[in-house]
Structure formats: structure tokens, C-alpha cells
Amino acid sequence: MMNRDARLEENQHVFRNANERLSGVVEAGVVSADPVPFLCECADEECMGRVDLTLDEYRELRSHERQFVMLHGHARTEGEEIVAERNGYDITKKPS
């Protein structure tokens, strides 16, 4: 049986994988300055939050594999810290 922290971290990776697929689908038909509704990558498995990012913003975020994007105040895993606060969302980083 998976412990709580492992389950929360797995939830974040599920949301991240969905966002990766979404960015690949929309990349061909979206101008990089247009906002795209990405999923909140918080640890809450029931979260249906949306973070509007341009593809360039999402690419920058994903250039750091330990970073995640989530709405302000959403569930983080133990040791995860906020490294940037933006308009309506946070960028978090997992410990190394």
C-alpha cells in the first residue's frame, strides 16, 4: 500500500503528464502568446483547477523537471517550496 506522501506525489505526476499531452496537442495550432488552460499540478487528486499559461511560460516551467505549477494555496507535498508567485498561481519546486 502506498503511503500518503507517495500518493500525493503520484497525483502531481499524473497532472503533469496530462499537461504534457495537452501542450503537444495545442502546440501546432496555438500562437505562443495565447493562453492555454493547463491543469493545476497540486497534490489533491480531486483538484480540477486550471492555470492559464502561454506555451512559452509552460515550456520555461518544464525546463526545470522538479518544478510544478499550481493555484495559490493548493496542496503541496512535504518539502515542496514555492519558488515564484505569479498572478493566480505558484511555481513550486520539489527537494532534490
PDB file of N, CA and C in Angstrom:
ATOM      1  N   MET A   1       0.839  -1.185   0.000  1.00  0.00           N
ATOM      2  CA  MET A   1       0.000   0.000   0.000  1.00  0.00           C
ATOM      3  C   MET A   1       0.885   1.251   0.000  1.00  0.00           C
ATOM      4  N   MET A   2       0.546   2.211  -0.811  1.00  0.00           N
ATOM      5  CA  MET A   2       1.321   3.435  -0.986  1.00  0.00           C
ATOM      6  C   MET A   2       1.046   4.380   0.191  1.00  0.00           C
ATOM      7  N   ASN A   3       2.115   4.980   0.774  1.00  0.00           N
ATOM      8  CA  ASN A   3       1.885   5.935   1.860  1.00  0.00           C
ATOM      9  C   ASN A   3       1.333   7.238   1.295  1.00  0.00           C
ATOM     10  N   ARG A   4       0.847   8.094   2.190  1.00  0.00           N
ATOM     11  CA  ARG A   4       0.168   9.315   1.779  1.00  0.00           C
ATOM     12  C   ARG A   4       1.059  10.215   0.925  1.00  0.00           C
ATOM     13  N   ASP A   5       2.301  10.450   1.342  1.00  0.00           N
ATOM     14  CA  ASP A   5       3.194  11.327   0.591  1.00  0.00           C
ATOM     15  C   ASP A   5       3.476  10.792  -0.811  1.00  0.00           C
ATOM     16  N   ALA A   6       3.659   9.486  -0.914  1.00  0.00           N
ATOM     17  CA  ALA A   6       3.899   8.886  -2.230  1.00  0.00           C
ATOM     18  C   ALA A   6       2.671   9.032  -3.121  1.00  0.00           C
ATOM     19  N   ARG A   7       1.490   8.874  -2.528  1.00  0.00           N
ATOM     20  CA  ARG A   7       0.248   9.020  -3.306  1.00  0.00           C
ATOM     21  C   ARG A   7       0.073  10.464  -3.777  1.00  0.00           C
ATOM     22  N   LEU A   8       0.360  11.428  -2.900  1.00  0.00           N
ATOM     23  CA  LEU A   8       0.238  12.835  -3.278  1.00  0.00           C
ATOM     24  C   LEU A   8       1.209  13.184  -4.402  1.00  0.00           C
ATOM     25  N   GLU A   9       2.426  12.680  -4.294  1.00  0.00           N
ATOM     26  CA  GLU A   9       3.413  12.942  -5.344  1.00  0.00           C
ATOM     27  C   GLU A   9       2.997  12.295  -6.659  1.00  0.00           C
ATOM     28  N   GLU A  10       2.436  11.098  -6.587  1.00  0.00           N
ATOM     29  CA  GLU A  10       1.944  10.429  -7.798  1.00  0.00           C
ATOM     30  C   GLU A  10       0.833  11.249  -8.452  1.00  0.00           C
ATOM     31  N   ASN A  11      -0.053  11.848  -7.641  1.00  0.00           N
ATOM     32  CA  ASN A  11      -1.123  12.700  -8.187  1.00  0.00           C
ATOM     33  C   ASN A  11      -0.528  13.840  -9.005  1.00  0.00           C
ATOM     34  N   GLN A  12       0.520  14.462  -8.468  1.00  0.00           N
ATOM     35  CA  GLN A  12       1.141  15.566  -9.196  1.00  0.00           C
ATOM     36  C   GLN A  12       1.703  15.098 -10.529  1.00  0.00           C
ATOM     37  N   HIS A  13       2.293  13.935 -10.563  1.00  0.00           N
ATOM     38  CA  HIS A  13       2.865  13.433 -11.812  1.00  0.00           C
ATOM     39  C   HIS A  13       1.773  13.082 -12.827  1.00  0.00           C
ATOM     40  N   VAL A  14       0.630  12.627 -12.363  1.00  0.00           N
ATOM     41  CA  VAL A  14      -0.496  12.352 -13.267  1.00  0.00           C
ATOM     42  C   VAL A  14      -0.943  13.654 -13.933  1.00  0.00           C
ATOM     43  N   PHE A  15      -1.093  14.733 -13.134  1.00  0.00           N
ATOM     44  CA  PHE A  15      -1.488  16.022 -13.699  1.00  0.00           C
ATOM     45  C   PHE A  15      -0.414  16.560 -14.643  1.00  0.00           C
ATOM     46  N   ARG A  16       0.839  16.382 -14.284  1.00  0.00           N
ATOM     47  CA  ARG A  16       1.939  16.839 -15.144  1.00  0.00           C
ATOM     48  C   ARG A  16       1.891  16.108 -16.479  1.00  0.00           C
ATOM     49  N   ASN A  17       1.699  14.784 -16.471  1.00  0.00           N
ATOM     50  CA  ASN A  17       1.622  14.017 -17.723  1.00  0.00           C
ATOM     51  C   ASN A  17       0.460  14.482 -18.592  1.00  0.00           C
ATOM     52  N   ALA A  18      -0.673  14.788 -17.965  1.00  0.00           N
ATOM     53  CA  ALA A  18      -1.819  15.306 -18.728  1.00  0.00           C
ATOM     54  C   ALA A  18      -1.467  16.640 -19.371  1.00  0.00           C
ATOM     55  N   ASN A  19      -0.767  17.501 -18.641  1.00  0.00           N
ATOM     56  CA  ASN A  19      -0.362  18.790 -19.196  1.00  0.00           C
ATOM     57  C   ASN A  19       0.638  18.632 -20.331  1.00  0.00           C
ATOM     58  N   GLU A  20       1.519  17.670 -20.228  1.00  0.00           N
ATOM     59  CA  GLU A  20       2.470  17.407 -21.316  1.00  0.00           C
ATOM     60  C   GLU A  20       1.728  17.006 -22.591  1.00  0.00           C
ATOM     61  N   ARG A  21       0.738  16.131 -22.451  1.00  0.00           N
ATOM     62  CA  ARG A  21      -0.052  15.719 -23.618  1.00  0.00           C
ATOM     63  C   ARG A  21      -0.819  16.910 -24.185  1.00  0.00           C
ATOM     64  N   LEU A  22      -1.393  17.725 -23.310  1.00  0.00           N
ATOM     65  CA  LEU A  22      -2.132  18.904 -23.746  1.00  0.00           C
ATOM     66  C   LEU A  22      -1.233  19.861 -24.510  1.00  0.00           C
ATOM     67  N   SER A  23      -0.031  20.110 -24.009  1.00  0.00           N
ATOM     68  CA  SER A  23       0.855  21.059 -24.699  1.00  0.00           C
ATOM     69  C   SER A  23       1.230  20.540 -26.079  1.00  0.00           C
ATOM     70  N   GLY A  24       1.416  19.238 -26.216  1.00  0.00           N
ATOM     71  CA  GLY A  24       1.736  18.669 -27.514  1.00  0.00           C
ATOM     72  C   GLY A  24       0.594  18.797 -28.508  1.00  0.00           C
ATOM     73  N   VAL A  25      -0.633  18.647 -28.026  1.00  0.00           N
ATOM     74  CA  VAL A  25      -1.809  18.734 -28.893  1.00  0.00           C
ATOM     75  C   VAL A  25      -2.039  20.160 -29.367  1.00  0.00           C
ATOM     76  N   VAL A  26      -1.925  21.127 -28.456  1.00  0.00           N
ATOM     77  CA  VAL A  26      -2.248  22.504 -28.820  1.00  0.00           C
ATOM     78  C   VAL A  26      -1.093  23.230 -29.488  1.00  0.00           C
ATOM     79  N   GLU A  27       0.100  22.732 -29.351  1.00  0.00           N
ATOM     80  CA  GLU A  27       1.282  23.440 -29.863  1.00  0.00           C
ATOM     81  C   GLU A  27       1.176  23.753 -31.349  1.00  0.00           C
ATOM     82  N   ALA A  28       0.650  22.840 -32.109  1.00  0.00           N
ATOM     83  CA  ALA A  28       0.584  23.042 -33.550  1.00  0.00           C
ATOM     84  C   ALA A  28      -0.391  24.141 -33.959  1.00  0.00           C
ATOM     85  N   GLY A  29      -1.455  24.358 -33.158  1.00  0.00           N
ATOM     86  CA  GLY A  29      -2.470  25.300 -33.592  1.00  0.00           C
ATOM     87  C   GLY A  29      -2.602  26.558 -32.759  1.00  0.00           C
ATOM     88  N   VAL A  30      -1.671  26.804 -31.844  1.00  0.00           N
ATOM     89  CA  VAL A  30      -1.792  27.953 -30.952  1.00  0.00           C
ATOM     90  C   VAL A  30      -0.573  28.844 -31.090  1.00  0.00           C
ATOM     91  N   VAL A  31      -0.806  30.141 -31.160  1.00  0.00           N
ATOM     92  CA  VAL A  31       0.278  31.109 -31.137  1.00  0.00           C
ATOM     93  C   VAL A  31       0.851  31.103 -29.727  1.00  0.00           C
ATOM     94  N   SER A  32       2.170  31.164 -29.597  1.00  0.00           N
ATOM     95  CA  SER A  32       2.798  31.010 -28.282  1.00  0.00           C
ATOM     96  C   SER A  32       2.349  32.055 -27.265  1.00  0.00           C
ATOM     97  N   ALA A  33       1.791  33.177 -27.702  1.00  0.00           N
ATOM     98  CA  ALA A  33       1.325  34.212 -26.773  1.00  0.00           C
ATOM     99  C   ALA A  33      -0.096  33.958 -26.280  1.00  0.00           C
ATOM    100  N   ASP A  34      -0.816  33.012 -26.898  1.00  0.00           N
ATOM    101  CA  ASP A  34      -2.184  32.706 -26.476  1.00  0.00           C
ATOM    102  C   ASP A  34      -2.174  31.867 -25.210  1.00  0.00           C
ATOM    103  N   PRO A  35      -3.015  32.214 -24.216  1.00  0.00           N
ATOM    104  CA  PRO A  35      -3.069  31.387 -23.009  1.00  0.00           C
ATOM    105  C   PRO A  35      -3.740  30.048 -23.281  1.00  0.00           C
ATOM    106  N   VAL A  36      -3.240  29.027 -22.594  1.00  0.00           N
ATOM    107  CA  VAL A  36      -3.760  27.663 -22.706  1.00  0.00           C
ATOM    108  C   VAL A  36      -4.160  27.231 -21.296  1.00  0.00           C
ATOM    109  N   PRO A  37      -5.327  26.593 -21.124  1.00  0.00           N
ATOM    110  CA  PRO A  37      -5.749  26.163 -19.792  1.00  0.00           C
ATOM    111  C   PRO A  37      -5.078  24.852 -19.385  1.00  0.00           C
ATOM    112  N   PHE A  38      -4.027  24.942 -18.581  1.00  0.00           N
ATOM    113  CA  PHE A  38      -3.337  23.761 -18.065  1.00  0.00           C
ATOM    114  C   PHE A  38      -3.955  23.357 -16.730  1.00  0.00           C
ATOM    115  N   LEU A  39      -3.805  22.088 -16.369  1.00  0.00           N
ATOM    116  CA  LEU A  39      -4.313  21.598 -15.095  1.00  0.00           C
ATOM    117  C   LEU A  39      -3.415  22.034 -13.954  1.00  0.00           C
ATOM    118  N   CYS A  40      -4.018  22.354 -12.821  1.00  0.00           N
ATOM    119  CA  CYS A  40      -3.263  22.609 -11.602  1.00  0.00           C
ATOM    120  C   CYS A  40      -2.525  21.312 -11.260  1.00  0.00           C
ATOM    121  N   GLU A  41      -1.231  21.402 -10.975  1.00  0.00           N
ATOM    122  CA  GLU A  41      -0.414  20.215 -10.691  1.00  0.00           C
ATOM    123  C   GLU A  41      -0.207  20.016  -9.192  1.00  0.00           C
ATOM    124  N   CYS A  42      -1.234  20.364  -8.412  1.00  0.00           N
ATOM    125  CA  CYS A  42      -1.140  20.203  -6.963  1.00  0.00           C
ATOM    126  C   CYS A  42      -1.286  18.723  -6.588  1.00  0.00           C
ATOM    127  N   ALA A  43      -1.158  18.455  -5.299  1.00  0.00           N
ATOM    128  CA  ALA A  43      -1.188  17.076  -4.808  1.00  0.00           C
ATOM    129  C   ALA A  43      -2.604  16.546  -4.572  1.00  0.00           C
ATOM    130  N   ASP A  44      -3.622  17.372  -4.719  1.00  0.00           N
ATOM    131  CA  ASP A  44      -5.004  16.964  -4.462  1.00  0.00           C
ATOM    132  C   ASP A  44      -5.563  16.214  -5.666  1.00  0.00           C
ATOM    133  N   GLU A  45      -5.832  14.927  -5.477  1.00  0.00           N
ATOM    134  CA  GLU A  45      -6.311  14.103  -6.600  1.00  0.00           C
ATOM    135  C   GLU A  45      -7.674  14.521  -7.125  1.00  0.00           C
ATOM    136  N   GLU A  46      -8.435  15.292  -6.360  1.00  0.00           N
ATOM    137  CA  GLU A  46      -9.754  15.740  -6.791  1.00  0.00           C
ATOM    138  C   GLU A  46      -9.736  17.155  -7.366  1.00  0.00           C
ATOM    139  N   CYS A  47      -8.587  17.787  -7.404  1.00  0.00           N
ATOM    140  CA  CYS A  47      -8.495  19.158  -7.900  1.00  0.00           C
ATOM    141  C   CYS A  47      -8.815  19.203  -9.390  1.00  0.00           C
ATOM    142  N   MET A  48      -9.641  20.134  -9.761  1.00  0.00           N
ATOM    143  CA  MET A  48      -9.973  20.351 -11.164  1.00  0.00           C
ATOM    144  C   MET A  48      -9.591  21.777 -11.562  1.00  0.00           C
ATOM    145  N   GLY A  49      -8.642  22.368 -10.798  1.00  0.00           N
ATOM    146  CA  GLY A  49      -8.221  23.741 -11.044  1.00  0.00           C
ATOM    147  C   GLY A  49      -7.522  23.907 -12.375  1.00  0.00           C
ATOM    148  N   ARG A  50      -7.551  25.130 -12.864  1.00  0.00           N
ATOM    149  CA  ARG A  50      -6.967  25.452 -14.168  1.00  0.00           C
ATOM    150  C   ARG A  50      -6.016  26.629 -14.007  1.00  0.00           C
ATOM    151  N   VAL A  51      -4.863  26.501 -14.643  1.00  0.00           N
ATOM    152  CA  VAL A  51      -3.867  27.562 -14.648  1.00  0.00           C
ATOM    153  C   VAL A  51      -3.646  27.966 -16.097  1.00  0.00           C
ATOM    154  N   ASP A  52      -3.970  29.211 -16.434  1.00  0.00           N
ATOM    155  CA  ASP A  52      -3.804  29.690 -17.807  1.00  0.00           C
ATOM    156  C   ASP A  52      -2.373  30.168 -18.013  1.00  0.00           C
ATOM    157  N   LEU A  53      -1.656  29.497 -18.905  1.00  0.00           N
ATOM    158  CA  LEU A  53      -0.269  29.818 -19.235  1.00  0.00           C
ATOM    159  C   LEU A  53      -0.114  29.872 -20.742  1.00  0.00           C
ATOM    160  N   THR A  54       0.816  30.686 -21.213  1.00  0.00           N
ATOM    161  CA  THR A  54       1.172  30.592 -22.625  1.00  0.00           C
ATOM    162  C   THR A  54       2.057  29.364 -22.789  1.00  0.00           C
ATOM    163  N   LEU A  55       2.214  28.897 -24.013  1.00  0.00           N
ATOM    164  CA  LEU A  55       3.100  27.756 -24.243  1.00  0.00           C
ATOM    165  C   LEU A  55       4.537  28.089 -23.843  1.00  0.00           C
ATOM    166  N   ASP A  56       4.963  29.333 -24.076  1.00  0.00           N
ATOM    167  CA  ASP A  56       6.310  29.735 -23.666  1.00  0.00           C
ATOM    168  C   ASP A  56       6.467  29.671 -22.148  1.00  0.00           C
ATOM    169  N   GLU A  57       5.457  30.120 -21.406  1.00  0.00           N
ATOM    170  CA  GLU A  57       5.516  30.036 -19.940  1.00  0.00           C
ATOM    171  C   GLU A  57       5.578  28.579 -19.488  1.00  0.00           C
ATOM    172  N   TYR A  58       4.771  27.729 -20.122  1.00  0.00           N
ATOM    173  CA  TYR A  58       4.767  26.317 -19.751  1.00  0.00           C
ATOM    174  C   TYR A  58       6.115  25.662 -20.073  1.00  0.00           C
ATOM    175  N   ARG A  59       6.675  25.983 -21.237  1.00  0.00           N
ATOM    176  CA  ARG A  59       7.990  25.425 -21.602  1.00  0.00           C
ATOM    177  C   ARG A  59       9.067  25.841 -20.601  1.00  0.00           C
ATOM    178  N   GLU A  60       9.036  27.104 -20.187  1.00  0.00           N
ATOM    179  CA  GLU A  60      10.004  27.594 -19.207  1.00  0.00           C
ATOM    180  C   GLU A  60       9.853  26.841 -17.881  1.00  0.00           C
ATOM    181  N   LEU A  61       8.628  26.694 -17.437  1.00  0.00           N
ATOM    182  CA  LEU A  61       8.361  25.945 -16.213  1.00  0.00           C
ATOM    183  C   LEU A  61       8.901  24.521 -16.315  1.00  0.00           C
ATOM    184  N   ARG A  62       8.615  23.854 -17.416  1.00  0.00           N
ATOM    185  CA  ARG A  62       9.009  22.452 -17.610  1.00  0.00           C
ATOM    186  C   ARG A  62      10.503  22.277 -17.877  1.00  0.00           C
ATOM    187  N   SER A  63      11.218  23.369 -18.123  1.00  0.00           N
ATOM    188  CA  SER A  63      12.665  23.240 -18.334  1.00  0.00           C
ATOM    189  C   SER A  63      13.376  22.866 -17.030  1.00  0.00           C
ATOM    190  N   HIS A  64      12.667  22.934 -15.930  1.00  0.00           N
ATOM    191  CA  HIS A  64      13.170  22.528 -14.613  1.00  0.00           C
ATOM    192  C   HIS A  64      12.308  21.364 -14.152  1.00  0.00           C
ATOM    193  N   GLU A  65      12.820  20.151 -14.247  1.00  0.00           N
ATOM    194  CA  GLU A  65      11.985  18.965 -14.038  1.00  0.00           C
ATOM    195  C   GLU A  65      11.384  18.846 -12.642  1.00  0.00           C
ATOM    196  N   ARG A  66      11.938  19.515 -11.647  1.00  0.00           N
ATOM    197  CA  ARG A  66      11.397  19.423 -10.291  1.00  0.00           C
ATOM    198  C   ARG A  66      10.380  20.529  -9.987  1.00  0.00           C
ATOM    199  N   GLN A  67      10.013  21.329 -10.993  1.00  0.00           N
ATOM    200  CA  GLN A  67       9.043  22.402 -10.793  1.00  0.00           C
ATOM    201  C   GLN A  67       7.651  21.974 -11.236  1.00  0.00           C
ATOM    202  N   PHE A  68       6.660  22.489 -10.485  1.00  0.00           N
ATOM    203  CA  PHE A  68       5.257  22.233 -10.785  1.00  0.00           C
ATOM    204  C   PHE A  68       4.505  23.552 -10.714  1.00  0.00           C
ATOM    205  N   VAL A  69       3.350  23.626 -11.377  1.00  0.00           N
ATOM    206  CA  VAL A  69       2.515  24.824 -11.344  1.00  0.00           C
ATOM    207  C   VAL A  69       1.206  24.473 -10.646  1.00  0.00           C
ATOM    208  N   MET A  70       0.787  25.363  -9.741  1.00  0.00           N
ATOM    209  CA  MET A  70      -0.472  25.123  -9.042  1.00  0.00           C
ATOM    210  C   MET A  70      -1.102  26.442  -8.620  1.00  0.00           C
ATOM    211  N   LEU A  71      -2.391  26.389  -8.422  1.00  0.00           N
ATOM    212  CA  LEU A  71      -3.118  27.566  -7.963  1.00  0.00           C
ATOM    213  C   LEU A  71      -2.663  27.935  -6.554  1.00  0.00           C
ATOM    214  N   HIS A  72      -2.733  29.239  -6.230  1.00  0.00           N
ATOM    215  CA  HIS A  72      -2.349  29.704  -4.897  1.00  0.00           C
ATOM    216  C   HIS A  72      -3.056  28.884  -3.817  1.00  0.00           C
ATOM    217  N   GLY A  73      -2.298  28.463  -2.821  1.00  0.00           N
ATOM    218  CA  GLY A  73      -2.880  27.800  -1.657  1.00  0.00           C
ATOM    219  C   GLY A  73      -3.226  26.336  -1.831  1.00  0.00           C
ATOM    220  N   HIS A  74      -2.936  25.740  -2.968  1.00  0.00           N
ATOM    221  CA  HIS A  74      -3.277  24.332  -3.167  1.00  0.00           C
ATOM    222  C   HIS A  74      -2.256  23.418  -2.511  1.00  0.00           C
ATOM    223  N   ALA A  75      -2.646  22.167  -2.333  1.00  0.00           N
ATOM    224  CA  ALA A  75      -1.869  21.186  -1.573  1.00  0.00           C
ATOM    225  C   ALA A  75      -0.502  20.911  -2.197  1.00  0.00           C
ATOM    226  N   ARG A  76       0.539  21.018  -1.352  1.00  0.00           N
ATOM    227  CA  ARG A  76       1.892  20.685  -1.770  1.00  0.00           C
ATOM    228  C   ARG A  76       2.340  19.447  -1.023  1.00  0.00           C
ATOM    229  N   THR A  77       3.327  18.762  -1.562  1.00  0.00           N
ATOM    230  CA  THR A  77       3.901  17.620  -0.869  1.00  0.00           C
ATOM    231  C   THR A  77       4.941  18.108   0.125  1.00  0.00           C
ATOM    232  N   GLU A  78       5.298  17.259   1.065  1.00  0.00           N
ATOM    233  CA  GLU A  78       6.265  17.621   2.089  1.00  0.00           C
ATOM    234  C   GLU A  78       7.594  18.034   1.463  1.00  0.00           C
ATOM    235  N   GLY A  79       8.123  19.158   1.905  1.00  0.00           N
ATOM    236  CA  GLY A  79       9.399  19.650   1.414  1.00  0.00           C
ATOM    237  C   GLY A  79       9.309  20.482   0.149  1.00  0.00           C
ATOM    238  N   GLU A  80       8.170  20.488  -0.497  1.00  0.00           N
ATOM    239  CA  GLU A  80       7.988  21.278  -1.718  1.00  0.00           C
ATOM    240  C   GLU A  80       7.859  22.753  -1.331  1.00  0.00           C
ATOM    241  N   GLU A  81       8.580  23.625  -2.019  1.00  0.00           N
ATOM    242  CA  GLU A  81       8.554  25.037  -1.675  1.00  0.00           C
ATOM    243  C   GLU A  81       8.116  25.885  -2.857  1.00  0.00           C
ATOM    244  N   ILE A  82       7.533  27.015  -2.546  1.00  0.00           N
ATOM    245  CA  ILE A  82       7.129  27.969  -3.578  1.00  0.00           C
ATOM    246  C   ILE A  82       8.362  28.759  -3.987  1.00  0.00           C
ATOM    247  N   VAL A  83       8.683  28.723  -5.286  1.00  0.00           N
ATOM    248  CA  VAL A  83       9.853  29.456  -5.781  1.00  0.00           C
ATOM    249  C   VAL A  83       9.460  30.723  -6.535  1.00  0.00           C
ATOM    250  N   ALA A  84       8.184  30.820  -6.934  1.00  0.00           N
ATOM    251  CA  ALA A  84       7.711  32.023  -7.612  1.00  0.00           C
ATOM    252  C   ALA A  84       6.197  32.116  -7.445  1.00  0.00           C
ATOM    253  N   GLU A  85       5.733  33.326  -7.224  1.00  0.00           N
ATOM    254  CA  GLU A  85       4.299  33.590  -7.168  1.00  0.00           C
ATOM    255  C   GLU A  85       3.945  34.462  -8.358  1.00  0.00           C
ATOM    256  N   ARG A  86       3.000  34.000  -9.122  1.00  0.00           N
ATOM    257  CA  ARG A  86       2.549  34.743 -10.291  1.00  0.00           C
ATOM    258  C   ARG A  86       1.093  35.137 -10.089  1.00  0.00           C
ATOM    259  N   ASN A  87       0.499  35.750 -11.071  1.00  0.00           N
ATOM    260  CA  ASN A  87      -0.882  36.206 -10.988  1.00  0.00           C
ATOM    261  C   ASN A  87      -1.837  35.002 -10.954  1.00  0.00           C
ATOM    262  N   GLY A  88      -2.214  34.576  -9.763  1.00  0.00           N
ATOM    263  CA  GLY A  88      -3.176  33.486  -9.616  1.00  0.00           C
ATOM    264  C   GLY A  88      -2.590  32.105  -9.434  1.00  0.00           C
ATOM    265  N   TYR A  89      -1.284  31.956  -9.587  1.00  0.00           N
ATOM    266  CA  TYR A  89      -0.696  30.631  -9.436  1.00  0.00           C
ATOM    267  C   TYR A  89       0.711  30.720  -8.845  1.00  0.00           C
ATOM    268  N   ASP A  90       1.177  29.568  -8.369  1.00  0.00           N
ATOM    269  CA  ASP A  90       2.509  29.441  -7.798  1.00  0.00           C
ATOM    270  C   ASP A  90       3.321  28.448  -8.622  1.00  0.00           C
ATOM    271  N   ILE A  91       4.616  28.653  -8.633  1.00  0.00           N
ATOM    272  CA  ILE A  91       5.532  27.642  -9.175  1.00  0.00           C
ATOM    273  C   ILE A  91       6.241  27.061  -7.965  1.00  0.00           C
ATOM    274  N   THR A  92       6.161  25.754  -7.833  1.00  0.00           N
ATOM    275  CA  THR A  92       6.771  25.075  -6.694  1.00  0.00           C
ATOM    276  C   THR A  92       7.930  24.210  -7.170  1.00  0.00           C
ATOM    277  N   LYS A  93       8.776  23.851  -6.218  1.00  0.00           N
ATOM    278  CA  LYS A  93       9.929  23.017  -6.544  1.00  0.00           C
ATOM    279  C   LYS A  93      10.043  21.926  -5.500  1.00  0.00           C
ATOM    280  N   LYS A  94      10.226  20.718  -5.992  1.00  0.00           N
ATOM    281  CA  LYS A  94      10.444  19.570  -5.112  1.00  0.00           C
ATOM    282  C   LYS A  94      11.890  19.559  -4.648  1.00  0.00           C
ATOM    283  N   PRO A  95      12.128  19.050  -3.435  1.00  0.00           N
ATOM    284  CA  PRO A  95      13.518  18.960  -2.971  1.00  0.00           C
ATOM    285  C   PRO A  95      14.316  17.975  -3.829  1.00  0.00           C
ATOM    286  N   SER A  96      15.609  18.181  -3.891  1.00  0.00           N
ATOM    287  CA  SER A  96      16.450  17.275  -4.703  1.00  0.00           C
ATOM    288  C   SER A  96      16.746  16.001  -3.999  1.00  0.00           C
TER     289      SER A  96
END
